[in-house]
Amino acid sequence: FAQILTNLIMNSLIHGFAESSKGRIVMVVKLEDAGMLNIHYRDNGIGIPEEHRSSVFEPFFTTNKQNGTGLGMHIVRNIVVQKLKGKISVDPSHTPGAGFHIRLPIVEKEGIFRHG
């Protein structure tokens, strides 16, 4: 979770707020009865152009080679999909700014929530 949140926040700071000294990041986390954890992440930065949304999770994709390797969101996707068996998508409706929706399966064990 730390790696996911760090990469999302760093992307907002480096790319979303590159032209501004102010910005806002909001995360809404909800636990569903069906054993799913939903995380909706959004910022109010410059956003992701529509033509780049399908490439965001590709390795080495970046719009700013001076301030990034293009691996951050690829790493996030791999952690969410491969390690945590979840799903992540770009929120196409979120403007201004960038938005992501993460959905993860979890189970409760003795009052402690754990990943499946």
PDB file of N, CA and C in Angstrom:
ATOM      1  N   PHE A   1       0.825  -1.185   0.000  1.00  0.00           N
ATOM      2  CA  PHE A   1       0.000   0.000   0.000  1.00  0.00           C
ATOM      3  C   PHE A   1       0.869   1.250   0.000  1.00  0.00           C
ATOM      4  N   ALA A   2       1.962   1.219   0.736  1.00  0.00           N
ATOM      5  CA  ALA A   2       2.848   2.381   0.794  1.00  0.00           C
ATOM      6  C   ALA A   2       3.408   2.712  -0.576  1.00  0.00           C
ATOM      7  N   GLN A   3       3.813   1.705  -1.324  1.00  0.00           N
ATOM      8  CA  GLN A   3       4.364   1.925  -2.667  1.00  0.00           C
ATOM      9  C   GLN A   3       3.296   2.497  -3.602  1.00  0.00           C
ATOM     10  N   ILE A   4       2.090   1.995  -3.513  1.00  0.00           N
ATOM     11  CA  ILE A   4       0.987   2.492  -4.340  1.00  0.00           C
ATOM     12  C   ILE A   4       0.735   3.966  -4.043  1.00  0.00           C
ATOM     13  N   LEU A   5       0.554   4.289  -2.777  1.00  0.00           N
ATOM     14  CA  LEU A   5       0.251   5.663  -2.395  1.00  0.00           C
ATOM     15  C   LEU A   5       1.405   6.608  -2.684  1.00  0.00           C
ATOM     16  N   THR A   6       2.628   6.160  -2.442  1.00  0.00           N
ATOM     17  CA  THR A   6       3.794   6.999  -2.736  1.00  0.00           C
ATOM     18  C   THR A   6       3.857   7.348  -4.213  1.00  0.00           C
ATOM     19  N   ASN A   7       3.670   6.371  -5.082  1.00  0.00           N
ATOM     20  CA  ASN A   7       3.740   6.639  -6.522  1.00  0.00           C
ATOM     21  C   ASN A   7       2.598   7.531  -6.995  1.00  0.00           C
ATOM     22  N   LEU A   8       1.399   7.316  -6.483  1.00  0.00           N
ATOM     23  CA  LEU A   8       0.279   8.180  -6.864  1.00  0.00           C
ATOM     24  C   LEU A   8       0.533   9.620  -6.431  1.00  0.00           C
ATOM     25  N   ILE A   9       0.960   9.793  -5.198  1.00  0.00           N
ATOM     26  CA  ILE A   9       1.211  11.140  -4.679  1.00  0.00           C
ATOM     27  C   ILE A   9       2.366  11.811  -5.414  1.00  0.00           C
ATOM     28  N   MET A  10       3.435  11.081  -5.657  1.00  0.00           N
ATOM     29  CA  MET A  10       4.573  11.663  -6.385  1.00  0.00           C
ATOM     30  C   MET A  10       4.176  12.067  -7.800  1.00  0.00           C
ATOM     31  N   ASN A  11       3.337  11.270  -8.456  1.00  0.00           N
ATOM     32  CA  ASN A  11       2.866  11.650  -9.792  1.00  0.00           C
ATOM     33  C   ASN A  11       2.072  12.947  -9.736  1.00  0.00           C
ATOM     34  N   SER A  12       1.229  13.083  -8.719  1.00  0.00           N
ATOM     35  CA  SER A  12       0.470  14.323  -8.574  1.00  0.00           C
ATOM     36  C   SER A  12       1.412  15.504  -8.374  1.00  0.00           C
ATOM     37  N   LEU A  13       2.400  15.335  -7.505  1.00  0.00           N
ATOM     38  CA  LEU A  13       3.326  16.431  -7.211  1.00  0.00           C
ATOM     39  C   LEU A  13       4.201  16.792  -8.408  1.00  0.00           C
ATOM     40  N   ILE A  14       4.749  15.790  -9.073  1.00  0.00           N
ATOM     41  CA  ILE A  14       5.685  16.034 -10.178  1.00  0.00           C
ATOM     42  C   ILE A  14       4.974  16.449 -11.453  1.00  0.00           C
ATOM     43  N   HIS A  15       3.884  15.784 -11.769  1.00  0.00           N
ATOM     44  CA  HIS A  15       3.222  16.032 -13.049  1.00  0.00           C
ATOM     45  C   HIS A  15       1.979  16.919 -12.913  1.00  0.00           C
ATOM     46  N   GLY A  16       1.127  16.592 -11.972  1.00  0.00           N
ATOM     47  CA  GLY A  16      -0.134  17.306 -11.841  1.00  0.00           C
ATOM     48  C   GLY A  16       0.001  18.731 -11.350  1.00  0.00           C
ATOM     49  N   PHE A  17       0.933  18.926 -10.422  1.00  0.00           N
ATOM     50  CA  PHE A  17       1.094  20.251  -9.823  1.00  0.00           C
ATOM     51  C   PHE A  17       2.386  20.923 -10.261  1.00  0.00           C
ATOM     52  N   ALA A  18       2.977  20.488 -11.354  1.00  0.00           N
ATOM     53  CA  ALA A  18       4.259  21.030 -11.815  1.00  0.00           C
ATOM     54  C   ALA A  18       4.200  22.531 -12.066  1.00  0.00           C
ATOM     55  N   GLU A  19       3.062  23.009 -12.471  1.00  0.00           N
ATOM     56  CA  GLU A  19       2.929  24.428 -12.812  1.00  0.00           C
ATOM     57  C   GLU A  19       2.309  25.243 -11.684  1.00  0.00           C
ATOM     58  N   SER A  20       2.114  24.655 -10.517  1.00  0.00           N
ATOM     59  CA  SER A  20       1.442  25.342  -9.416  1.00  0.00           C
ATOM     60  C   SER A  20       2.103  24.994  -8.091  1.00  0.00           C
ATOM     61  N   SER A  21       2.079  25.915  -7.181  1.00  0.00           N
ATOM     62  CA  SER A  21       2.615  25.632  -5.854  1.00  0.00           C
ATOM     63  C   SER A  21       1.521  25.127  -4.909  1.00  0.00           C
ATOM     64  N   LYS A  22       0.290  25.068  -5.413  1.00  0.00           N
ATOM     65  CA  LYS A  22      -0.828  24.591  -4.608  1.00  0.00           C
ATOM     66  C   LYS A  22      -1.548  23.472  -5.340  1.00  0.00           C
ATOM     67  N   GLY A  23      -2.125  22.579  -4.562  1.00  0.00           N
ATOM     68  CA  GLY A  23      -2.914  21.509  -5.146  1.00  0.00           C
ATOM     69  C   GLY A  23      -3.608  20.735  -4.047  1.00  0.00           C
ATOM     70  N   ARG A  24      -4.547  19.916  -4.466  1.00  0.00           N
ATOM     71  CA  ARG A  24      -5.295  19.121  -3.495  1.00  0.00           C
ATOM     72  C   ARG A  24      -5.357  17.675  -3.958  1.00  0.00           C
ATOM     73  N   ILE A  25      -5.143  16.777  -3.027  1.00  0.00           N
ATOM     74  CA  ILE A  25      -5.245  15.343  -3.272  1.00  0.00           C
ATOM     75  C   ILE A  25      -6.309  14.809  -2.318  1.00  0.00           C
ATOM     76  N   VAL A  26      -7.233  14.018  -2.861  1.00  0.00           N
ATOM     77  CA  VAL A  26      -8.303  13.430  -2.057  1.00  0.00           C
ATOM     78  C   VAL A  26      -8.320  11.933  -2.309  1.00  0.00           C
ATOM     79  N   MET A  27      -8.398  11.169  -1.220  1.00  0.00           N
ATOM     80  CA  MET A  27      -8.563   9.725  -1.326  1.00  0.00           C
ATOM     81  C   MET A  27      -9.809   9.330  -0.546  1.00  0.00           C
ATOM     82  N   VAL A  28     -10.676   8.608  -1.198  1.00  0.00           N
ATOM     83  CA  VAL A  28     -11.868   8.086  -0.544  1.00  0.00           C
ATOM     84  C   VAL A  28     -11.723   6.572  -0.521  1.00  0.00           C
ATOM     85  N   VAL A  29     -11.772   5.996   0.672  1.00  0.00           N
ATOM     86  CA  VAL A  29     -11.600   4.557   0.841  1.00  0.00           C
ATOM     87  C   VAL A  29     -12.881   3.994   1.437  1.00  0.00           C
ATOM     88  N   LYS A  30     -13.429   2.982   0.771  1.00  0.00           N
ATOM     89  CA  LYS A  30     -14.671   2.359   1.240  1.00  0.00           C
ATOM     90  C   LYS A  30     -14.516   0.852   1.248  1.00  0.00           C
ATOM     91  N   LEU A  31     -15.018   0.248   2.310  1.00  0.00           N
ATOM     92  CA  LEU A  31     -15.059  -1.204   2.415  1.00  0.00           C
ATOM     93  C   LEU A  31     -16.469  -1.646   2.085  1.00  0.00           C
ATOM     94  N   GLU A  32     -16.603  -2.501   1.087  1.00  0.00           N
ATOM     95  CA  GLU A  32     -17.905  -3.012   0.695  1.00  0.00           C
ATOM     96  C   GLU A  32     -18.211  -4.307   1.432  1.00  0.00           C
ATOM     97  N   ASP A  33     -19.484  -4.604   1.560  1.00  0.00           N
ATOM     98  CA  ASP A  33     -19.904  -5.852   2.201  1.00  0.00           C
ATOM     99  C   ASP A  33     -19.382  -7.076   1.473  1.00  0.00           C
ATOM    100  N   ALA A  34     -19.143  -6.950   0.198  1.00  0.00           N
ATOM    101  CA  ALA A  34     -18.696  -8.084  -0.612  1.00  0.00           C
ATOM    102  C   ALA A  34     -17.209  -8.387  -0.436  1.00  0.00           C
ATOM    103  N   GLY A  35     -16.563  -7.801   0.580  1.00  0.00           N
ATOM    104  CA  GLY A  35     -15.145  -8.071   0.804  1.00  0.00           C
ATOM    105  C   GLY A  35     -14.236  -7.362  -0.169  1.00  0.00           C
ATOM    106  N   MET A  36     -14.683  -6.213  -0.667  1.00  0.00           N
ATOM    107  CA  MET A  36     -13.881  -5.438  -1.609  1.00  0.00           C
ATOM    108  C   MET A  36     -13.538  -4.092  -0.983  1.00  0.00           C
ATOM    109  N   LEU A  37     -12.309  -3.662  -1.192  1.00  0.00           N
ATOM    110  CA  LEU A  37     -11.863  -2.355  -0.760  1.00  0.00           C
ATOM    111  C   LEU A  37     -11.761  -1.467  -1.994  1.00  0.00           C
ATOM    112  N   ASN A  38     -12.473  -0.355  -1.983  1.00  0.00           N
ATOM    113  CA  ASN A  38     -12.433   0.599  -3.092  1.00  0.00           C
ATOM    114  C   ASN A  38     -11.667   1.834  -2.659  1.00  0.00           C
ATOM    115  N   ILE A  39     -10.708   2.224  -3.470  1.00  0.00           N
ATOM    116  CA  ILE A  39      -9.943   3.436  -3.221  1.00  0.00           C
ATOM    117  C   ILE A  39     -10.115   4.334  -4.436  1.00  0.00           C
ATOM    118  N   HIS A  40     -10.636   5.524  -4.211  1.00  0.00           N
ATOM    119  CA  HIS A  40     -10.756   6.497  -5.286  1.00  0.00           C
ATOM    120  C   HIS A  40      -9.775   7.616  -4.964  1.00  0.00           C
ATOM    121  N   TYR A  41      -8.779   7.768  -5.822  1.00  0.00           N
ATOM    122  CA  TYR A  41      -7.729   8.767  -5.656  1.00  0.00           C
ATOM    123  C   TYR A  41      -7.939   9.846  -6.703  1.00  0.00           C
ATOM    124  N   ARG A  42      -7.811  11.107  -6.294  1.00  0.00           N
ATOM    125  CA  ARG A  42      -7.918  12.178  -7.287  1.00  0.00           C
ATOM    126  C   ARG A  42      -7.118  13.385  -6.822  1.00  0.00           C
ATOM    127  N   ASP A  43      -6.673  14.155  -7.808  1.00  0.00           N
ATOM    128  CA  ASP A  43      -6.034  15.429  -7.515  1.00  0.00           C
ATOM    129  C   ASP A  43      -6.696  16.493  -8.385  1.00  0.00           C
ATOM    130  N   ASN A  44      -6.367  17.735  -8.133  1.00  0.00           N
ATOM    131  CA  ASN A  44      -6.938  18.815  -8.941  1.00  0.00           C
ATOM    132  C   ASN A  44      -5.864  19.507  -9.773  1.00  0.00           C
ATOM    133  N   GLY A  45      -4.885  18.712 -10.210  1.00  0.00           N
ATOM    134  CA  GLY A  45      -3.792  19.229 -11.034  1.00  0.00           C
ATOM    135  C   GLY A  45      -4.197  19.398 -12.488  1.00  0.00           C
ATOM    136  N   ILE A  46      -3.199  19.347 -13.365  1.00  0.00           N
ATOM    137  CA  ILE A  46      -3.448  19.606 -14.790  1.00  0.00           C
ATOM    138  C   ILE A  46      -4.156  18.451 -15.490  1.00  0.00           C
ATOM    139  N   GLY A  47      -4.196  17.301 -14.880  1.00  0.00           N
ATOM    140  CA  GLY A  47      -4.928  16.169 -15.446  1.00  0.00           C
ATOM    141  C   GLY A  47      -4.117  15.360 -16.440  1.00  0.00           C
ATOM    142  N   ILE A  48      -4.750  14.338 -16.947  1.00  0.00           N
ATOM    143  CA  ILE A  48      -4.134  13.438 -17.932  1.00  0.00           C
ATOM    144  C   ILE A  48      -4.874  13.642 -19.241  1.00  0.00           C
ATOM    145  N   PRO A  49      -4.180  14.101 -20.273  1.00  0.00           N
ATOM    146  CA  PRO A  49      -4.862  14.276 -21.559  1.00  0.00           C
ATOM    147  C   PRO A  49      -5.506  12.961 -22.016  1.00  0.00           C
ATOM    148  N   GLU A  50      -6.643  13.073 -22.635  1.00  0.00           N
ATOM    149  CA  GLU A  50      -7.380  11.882 -23.063  1.00  0.00           C
ATOM    150  C   GLU A  50      -6.535  10.945 -23.917  1.00  0.00           C
ATOM    151  N   GLU A  51      -5.694  11.501 -24.763  1.00  0.00           N
ATOM    152  CA  GLU A  51      -4.878  10.657 -25.643  1.00  0.00           C
ATOM    153  C   GLU A  51      -3.794   9.886 -24.892  1.00  0.00           C
ATOM    154  N   HIS A  52      -3.522  10.246 -23.625  1.00  0.00           N
ATOM    155  CA  HIS A  52      -2.496   9.558 -22.843  1.00  0.00           C
ATOM    156  C   HIS A  52      -3.083   8.568 -21.850  1.00  0.00           C
ATOM    157  N   ARG A  53      -4.377   8.608 -21.625  1.00  0.00           N
ATOM    158  CA  ARG A  53      -4.989   7.776 -20.580  1.00  0.00           C
ATOM    159  C   ARG A  53      -4.794   6.278 -20.813  1.00  0.00           C
ATOM    160  N   SER A  54      -4.793   5.859 -22.059  1.00  0.00           N
ATOM    161  CA  SER A  54      -4.627   4.426 -22.337  1.00  0.00           C
ATOM    162  C   SER A  54      -3.174   3.974 -22.168  1.00  0.00           C
ATOM    163  N   SER A  55      -2.234   4.913 -22.053  1.00  0.00           N
ATOM    164  CA  SER A  55      -0.806   4.575 -21.944  1.00  0.00           C
ATOM    165  C   SER A  55      -0.242   4.731 -20.549  1.00  0.00           C
ATOM    166  N   VAL A  56      -1.020   5.255 -19.622  1.00  0.00           N
ATOM    167  CA  VAL A  56      -0.540   5.604 -18.282  1.00  0.00           C
ATOM    168  C   VAL A  56       0.167   4.449 -17.584  1.00  0.00           C
ATOM    169  N   PHE A  57      -0.311   3.230 -17.746  1.00  0.00           N
ATOM    170  CA  PHE A  57       0.245   2.089 -17.018  1.00  0.00           C
ATOM    171  C   PHE A  57       1.338   1.350 -17.801  1.00  0.00           C
ATOM    172  N   GLU A  58       1.659   1.818 -18.988  1.00  0.00           N
ATOM    173  CA  GLU A  58       2.709   1.172 -19.785  1.00  0.00           C
ATOM    174  C   GLU A  58       4.089   1.518 -19.221  1.00  0.00           C
ATOM    175  N   PRO A  59       5.023   0.549 -19.248  1.00  0.00           N
ATOM    176  CA  PRO A  59       6.366   0.841 -18.727  1.00  0.00           C
ATOM    177  C   PRO A  59       7.053   1.918 -19.570  1.00  0.00           C
ATOM    178  N   PHE A  60       7.729   2.815 -18.897  1.00  0.00           N
ATOM    179  CA  PHE A  60       8.515   3.903 -19.481  1.00  0.00           C
ATOM    180  C   PHE A  60       7.680   4.997 -20.138  1.00  0.00           C
ATOM    181  N   PHE A  61       6.351   4.967 -19.942  1.00  0.00           N
ATOM    182  CA  PHE A  61       5.537   6.055 -20.473  1.00  0.00           C
ATOM    183  C   PHE A  61       5.609   7.241 -19.513  1.00  0.00           C
ATOM    184  N   THR A  62       6.024   8.377 -20.023  1.00  0.00           N
ATOM    185  CA  THR A  62       6.065   9.601 -19.239  1.00  0.00           C
ATOM    186  C   THR A  62       5.865  10.790 -20.164  1.00  0.00           C
ATOM    187  N   THR A  63       5.322  11.832 -19.611  1.00  0.00           N
ATOM    188  CA  THR A  63       5.173  13.078 -20.376  1.00  0.00           C
ATOM    189  C   THR A  63       6.261  14.063 -19.977  1.00  0.00           C
ATOM    190  N   ASN A  64       7.118  13.667 -19.034  1.00  0.00           N
ATOM    191  CA  ASN A  64       8.164  14.554 -18.555  1.00  0.00           C
ATOM    192  C   ASN A  64       9.408  13.733 -18.230  1.00  0.00           C
ATOM    193  N   LYS A  65      10.266  13.510 -19.201  1.00  0.00           N
ATOM    194  CA  LYS A  65      11.446  12.668 -19.008  1.00  0.00           C
ATOM    195  C   LYS A  65      12.485  13.302 -18.077  1.00  0.00           C
ATOM    196  N   GLN A  66      12.380  14.602 -17.834  1.00  0.00           N
ATOM    197  CA  GLN A  66      13.317  15.267 -16.926  1.00  0.00           C
ATOM    198  C   GLN A  66      13.002  14.946 -15.471  1.00  0.00           C
ATOM    199  N   ASN A  67      11.729  14.638 -15.167  1.00  0.00           N
ATOM    200  CA  ASN A  67      11.330  14.410 -13.786  1.00  0.00           C
ATOM    201  C   ASN A  67      10.720  13.043 -13.534  1.00  0.00           C
ATOM    202  N   GLY A  68      10.970  12.081 -14.397  1.00  0.00           N
ATOM    203  CA  GLY A  68      10.397  10.761 -14.164  1.00  0.00           C
ATOM    204  C   GLY A  68      10.953   9.723 -15.103  1.00  0.00           C
ATOM    205  N   THR A  69      10.811   8.465 -14.688  1.00  0.00           N
ATOM    206  CA  THR A  69      11.306   7.348 -15.497  1.00  0.00           C
ATOM    207  C   THR A  69      10.190   6.707 -16.310  1.00  0.00           C
ATOM    208  N   GLY A  70       8.950   7.012 -15.958  1.00  0.00           N
ATOM    209  CA  GLY A  70       7.829   6.366 -16.613  1.00  0.00           C
ATOM    210  C   GLY A  70       7.511   5.007 -16.031  1.00  0.00           C
ATOM    211  N   LEU A  71       8.042   4.706 -14.865  1.00  0.00           N
ATOM    212  CA  LEU A  71       7.793   3.399 -14.249  1.00  0.00           C
ATOM    213  C   LEU A  71       6.820   3.454 -13.075  1.00  0.00           C
ATOM    214  N   GLY A  72       6.563   4.624 -12.528  1.00  0.00           N
ATOM    215  CA  GLY A  72       5.736   4.747 -11.331  1.00  0.00           C
ATOM    216  C   GLY A  72       4.370   4.119 -11.448  1.00  0.00           C
ATOM    217  N   MET A  73       3.606   4.485 -12.453  1.00  0.00           N
ATOM    218  CA  MET A  73       2.256   3.946 -12.605  1.00  0.00           C
ATOM    219  C   MET A  73       2.277   2.499 -13.086  1.00  0.00           C
ATOM    220  N   HIS A  74       3.313   2.116 -13.795  1.00  0.00           N
ATOM    221  CA  HIS A  74       3.472   0.710 -14.193  1.00  0.00           C
ATOM    222  C   HIS A  74       3.680  -0.153 -12.938  1.00  0.00           C
ATOM    223  N   ILE A  75       4.485   0.337 -12.015  1.00  0.00           N
ATOM    224  CA  ILE A  75       4.713  -0.368 -10.754  1.00  0.00           C
ATOM    225  C   ILE A  75       3.418  -0.449  -9.958  1.00  0.00           C
ATOM    226  N   VAL A  76       2.689   0.656  -9.886  1.00  0.00           N
ATOM    227  CA  VAL A  76       1.404   0.672  -9.179  1.00  0.00           C
ATOM    228  C   VAL A  76       0.482  -0.397  -9.759  1.00  0.00           C
ATOM    229  N   ARG A  77       0.348  -0.423 -11.080  1.00  0.00           N
ATOM    230  CA  ARG A  77      -0.524  -1.403 -11.726  1.00  0.00           C
ATOM    231  C   ARG A  77      -0.081  -2.828 -11.398  1.00  0.00           C
ATOM    232  N   ASN A  78       1.216  -3.099 -11.462  1.00  0.00           N
ATOM    233  CA  ASN A  78       1.713  -4.449 -11.172  1.00  0.00           C
ATOM    234  C   ASN A  78       1.415  -4.859  -9.733  1.00  0.00           C
ATOM    235  N   ILE A  79       1.587  -3.958  -8.791  1.00  0.00           N
ATOM    236  CA  ILE A  79       1.280  -4.272  -7.392  1.00  0.00           C
ATOM    237  C   ILE A  79      -0.208  -4.554  -7.230  1.00  0.00           C
ATOM    238  N   VAL A  80      -1.038  -3.673  -7.769  1.00  0.00           N
ATOM    239  CA  VAL A  80      -2.486  -3.830  -7.622  1.00  0.00           C
ATOM    240  C   VAL A  80      -2.968  -5.110  -8.291  1.00  0.00           C
ATOM    241  N   VAL A  81      -2.564  -5.345  -9.527  1.00  0.00           N
ATOM    242  CA  VAL A  81      -3.087  -6.472 -10.307  1.00  0.00           C
ATOM    243  C   VAL A  81      -2.411  -7.792  -9.957  1.00  0.00           C
ATOM    244  N   GLN A  82      -1.085  -7.820  -9.923  1.00  0.00           N
ATOM    245  CA  GLN A  82      -0.379  -9.084  -9.723  1.00  0.00           C
ATOM    246  C   GLN A  82      -0.264  -9.480  -8.253  1.00  0.00           C
ATOM    247  N   LYS A  83       0.180  -8.554  -7.415  1.00  0.00           N
ATOM    248  CA  LYS A  83       0.395  -8.899  -6.001  1.00  0.00           C
ATOM    249  C   LYS A  83      -0.900  -8.943  -5.203  1.00  0.00           C
ATOM    250  N   LEU A  84      -1.778  -7.940  -5.420  1.00  0.00           N
ATOM    251  CA  LEU A  84      -2.979  -7.823  -4.606  1.00  0.00           C
ATOM    252  C   LEU A  84      -4.238  -8.362  -5.289  1.00  0.00           C
ATOM    253  N   LYS A  85      -4.098  -8.830  -6.533  1.00  0.00           N
ATOM    254  CA  LYS A  85      -5.211  -9.436  -7.288  1.00  0.00           C
ATOM    255  C   LYS A  85      -6.403  -8.490  -7.439  1.00  0.00           C
ATOM    256  N   GLY A  86      -6.094  -7.205  -7.625  1.00  0.00           N
ATOM    257  CA  GLY A  86      -7.150  -6.206  -7.775  1.00  0.00           C
ATOM    258  C   GLY A  86      -7.190  -5.622  -9.168  1.00  0.00           C
ATOM    259  N   LYS A  87      -7.837  -4.465  -9.256  1.00  0.00           N
ATOM    260  CA  LYS A  87      -7.974  -3.747 -10.529  1.00  0.00           C
ATOM    261  C   LYS A  87      -7.695  -2.276 -10.293  1.00  0.00           C
ATOM    262  N   ILE A  88      -7.134  -1.632 -11.303  1.00  0.00           N
ATOM    263  CA  ILE A  88      -6.922  -0.191 -11.255  1.00  0.00           C
ATOM    264  C   ILE A  88      -7.287   0.384 -12.614  1.00  0.00           C
ATOM    265  N   SER A  89      -7.885   1.556 -12.589  1.00  0.00           N
ATOM    266  CA  SER A  89      -8.239   2.220 -13.846  1.00  0.00           C
ATOM    267  C   SER A  89      -8.134   3.725 -13.669  1.00  0.00           C
ATOM    268  N   VAL A  90      -7.941   4.393 -14.799  1.00  0.00           N
ATOM    269  CA  VAL A  90      -7.964   5.846 -14.832  1.00  0.00           C
ATOM    270  C   VAL A  90      -9.428   6.254 -14.823  1.00  0.00           C
ATOM    271  N   ASP A  91      -9.756   7.222 -13.988  1.00  0.00           N
ATOM    272  CA  ASP A  91     -11.129   7.736 -13.936  1.00  0.00           C
ATOM    273  C   ASP A  91     -11.294   8.720 -15.088  1.00  0.00           C
ATOM    274  N   PRO A  92     -11.994   8.320 -16.138  1.00  0.00           N
ATOM    275  CA  PRO A  92     -12.101   9.186 -17.323  1.00  0.00           C
ATOM    276  C   PRO A  92     -12.967  10.411 -17.107  1.00  0.00           C
ATOM    277  N   SER A  93     -13.796  10.392 -16.079  1.00  0.00           N
ATOM    278  CA  SER A  93     -14.723  11.496 -15.878  1.00  0.00           C
ATOM    279  C   SER A  93     -14.152  12.601 -15.002  1.00  0.00           C
ATOM    280  N   HIS A  94     -13.027  12.330 -14.363  1.00  0.00           N
ATOM    281  CA  HIS A  94     -12.523  13.289 -13.391  1.00  0.00           C
ATOM    282  C   HIS A  94     -11.800  14.449 -14.076  1.00  0.00           C
ATOM    283  N   THR A  95     -12.364  15.625 -13.975  1.00  0.00           N
ATOM    284  CA  THR A  95     -11.720  16.841 -14.466  1.00  0.00           C
ATOM    285  C   THR A  95     -12.078  17.979 -13.532  1.00  0.00           C
ATOM    286  N   PRO A  96     -11.285  18.930 -13.239  1.00  0.00           N
ATOM    287  CA  PRO A  96      -9.871  18.936 -13.637  1.00  0.00           C
ATOM    288  C   PRO A  96      -9.073  17.964 -12.776  1.00  0.00           C
ATOM    289  N   GLY A  97      -7.897  17.672 -13.221  1.00  0.00           N
ATOM    290  CA  GLY A  97      -7.021  16.786 -12.468  1.00  0.00           C
ATOM    291  C   GLY A  97      -7.031  15.361 -12.962  1.00  0.00           C
ATOM    292  N   ALA A  98      -6.379  14.513 -12.179  1.00  0.00           N
ATOM    293  CA  ALA A  98      -6.272  13.096 -12.500  1.00  0.00           C
ATOM    294  C   ALA A  98      -7.014  12.292 -11.444  1.00  0.00           C
ATOM    295  N   GLY A  99      -7.620  11.198 -11.861  1.00  0.00           N
ATOM    296  CA  GLY A  99      -8.323  10.331 -10.933  1.00  0.00           C
ATOM    297  C   GLY A  99      -8.052   8.872 -11.242  1.00  0.00           C
ATOM    298  N   PHE A 100      -7.992   8.064 -10.204  1.00  0.00           N
ATOM    299  CA  PHE A 100      -7.778   6.622 -10.349  1.00  0.00           C
ATOM    300  C   PHE A 100      -8.727   5.885  -9.423  1.00  0.00           C
ATOM    301  N   HIS A 101      -9.180   4.743  -9.891  1.00  0.00           N
ATOM    302  CA  HIS A 101     -10.043   3.890  -9.086  1.00  0.00           C
ATOM    303  C   HIS A 101      -9.337   2.557  -8.893  1.00  0.00           C
ATOM    304  N   ILE A 102      -9.169   2.168  -7.632  1.00  0.00           N
ATOM    305  CA  ILE A 102      -8.520   0.900  -7.284  1.00  0.00           C
ATOM    306  C   ILE A 102      -9.536   0.049  -6.533  1.00  0.00           C
ATOM    307  N   ARG A 103      -9.615  -1.210  -6.915  1.00  0.00           N
ATOM    308  CA  ARG A 103     -10.555  -2.146  -6.280  1.00  0.00           C
ATOM    309  C   ARG A 103      -9.766  -3.394  -5.892  1.00  0.00           C
ATOM    310  N   LEU A 104      -9.787  -3.718  -4.584  1.00  0.00           N
ATOM    311  CA  LEU A 104      -8.990  -4.826  -4.070  1.00  0.00           C
ATOM    312  C   LEU A 104      -9.846  -5.794  -3.261  1.00  0.00           C
ATOM    313  N   PRO A 105      -9.644  -7.100  -3.452  1.00  0.00           N
ATOM    314  CA  PRO A 105     -10.340  -8.077  -2.611  1.00  0.00           C
ATOM    315  C   PRO A 105      -9.639  -8.182  -1.257  1.00  0.00           C
ATOM    316  N   ILE A 106     -10.428  -8.238  -0.198  1.00  0.00           N
ATOM    317  CA  ILE A 106      -9.855  -8.427   1.134  1.00  0.00           C
ATOM    318  C   ILE A 106     -10.741  -9.383   1.915  1.00  0.00           C
ATOM    319  N   VAL A 107     -10.187  -9.929   2.977  1.00  0.00           N
ATOM    320  CA  VAL A 107     -10.964 -10.805   3.857  1.00  0.00           C
ATOM    321  C   VAL A 107     -10.719 -10.353   5.286  1.00  0.00           C
ATOM    322  N   GLU A 108     -11.691 -10.607   6.151  1.00  0.00           N
ATOM    323  CA  GLU A 108     -11.537 -10.274   7.565  1.00  0.00           C
ATOM    324  C   GLU A 108     -11.184 -11.547   8.308  1.00  0.00           C
ATOM    325  N   LYS A 109     -10.141 -11.466   9.122  1.00  0.00           N
ATOM    326  CA  LYS A 109      -9.700 -12.605   9.902  1.00  0.00           C
ATOM    327  C   LYS A 109      -9.501 -12.143  11.336  1.00  0.00           C
ATOM    328  N   GLU A 110     -10.340 -12.624  12.245  1.00  0.00           N
ATOM    329  CA  GLU A 110     -10.255 -12.296  13.657  1.00  0.00           C
ATOM    330  C   GLU A 110     -10.233 -10.781  13.878  1.00  0.00           C
ATOM    331  N   GLY A 111     -11.104 -10.067  13.172  1.00  0.00           N
ATOM    332  CA  GLY A 111     -11.212  -8.632  13.353  1.00  0.00           C
ATOM    333  C   GLY A 111     -10.149  -7.815  12.656  1.00  0.00           C
ATOM    334  N   ILE A 112      -9.237  -8.469  11.965  1.00  0.00           N
ATOM    335  CA  ILE A 112      -8.159  -7.774  11.259  1.00  0.00           C
ATOM    336  C   ILE A 112      -8.369  -7.982   9.768  1.00  0.00           C
ATOM    337  N   PHE A 113      -8.353  -6.903   9.022  1.00  0.00           N
ATOM    338  CA  PHE A 113      -8.513  -7.018   7.574  1.00  0.00           C
ATOM    339  C   PHE A 113      -7.171  -7.339   6.944  1.00  0.00           C
ATOM    340  N   ARG A 114      -7.192  -8.333   6.108  1.00  0.00           N
ATOM    341  CA  ARG A 114      -5.981  -8.765   5.415  1.00  0.00           C
ATOM    342  C   ARG A 114      -6.293  -8.936   3.939  1.00  0.00           C
ATOM    343  N   HIS A 115      -5.258  -8.827   3.133  1.00  0.00           N
ATOM    344  CA  HIS A 115      -5.439  -9.109   1.715  1.00  0.00           C
ATOM    345  C   HIS A 115      -5.594 -10.609   1.564  1.00  0.00           C
ATOM    346  N   GLY A 116      -6.541 -11.042   0.702  1.00  0.00           N
ATOM    347  CA  GLY A 116      -6.885 -12.446   0.465  1.00  0.00           C
ATOM    348  C   GLY A 116      -5.715 -13.332   0.389  1.00  0.00           C
TER     349      GLY A 116
END
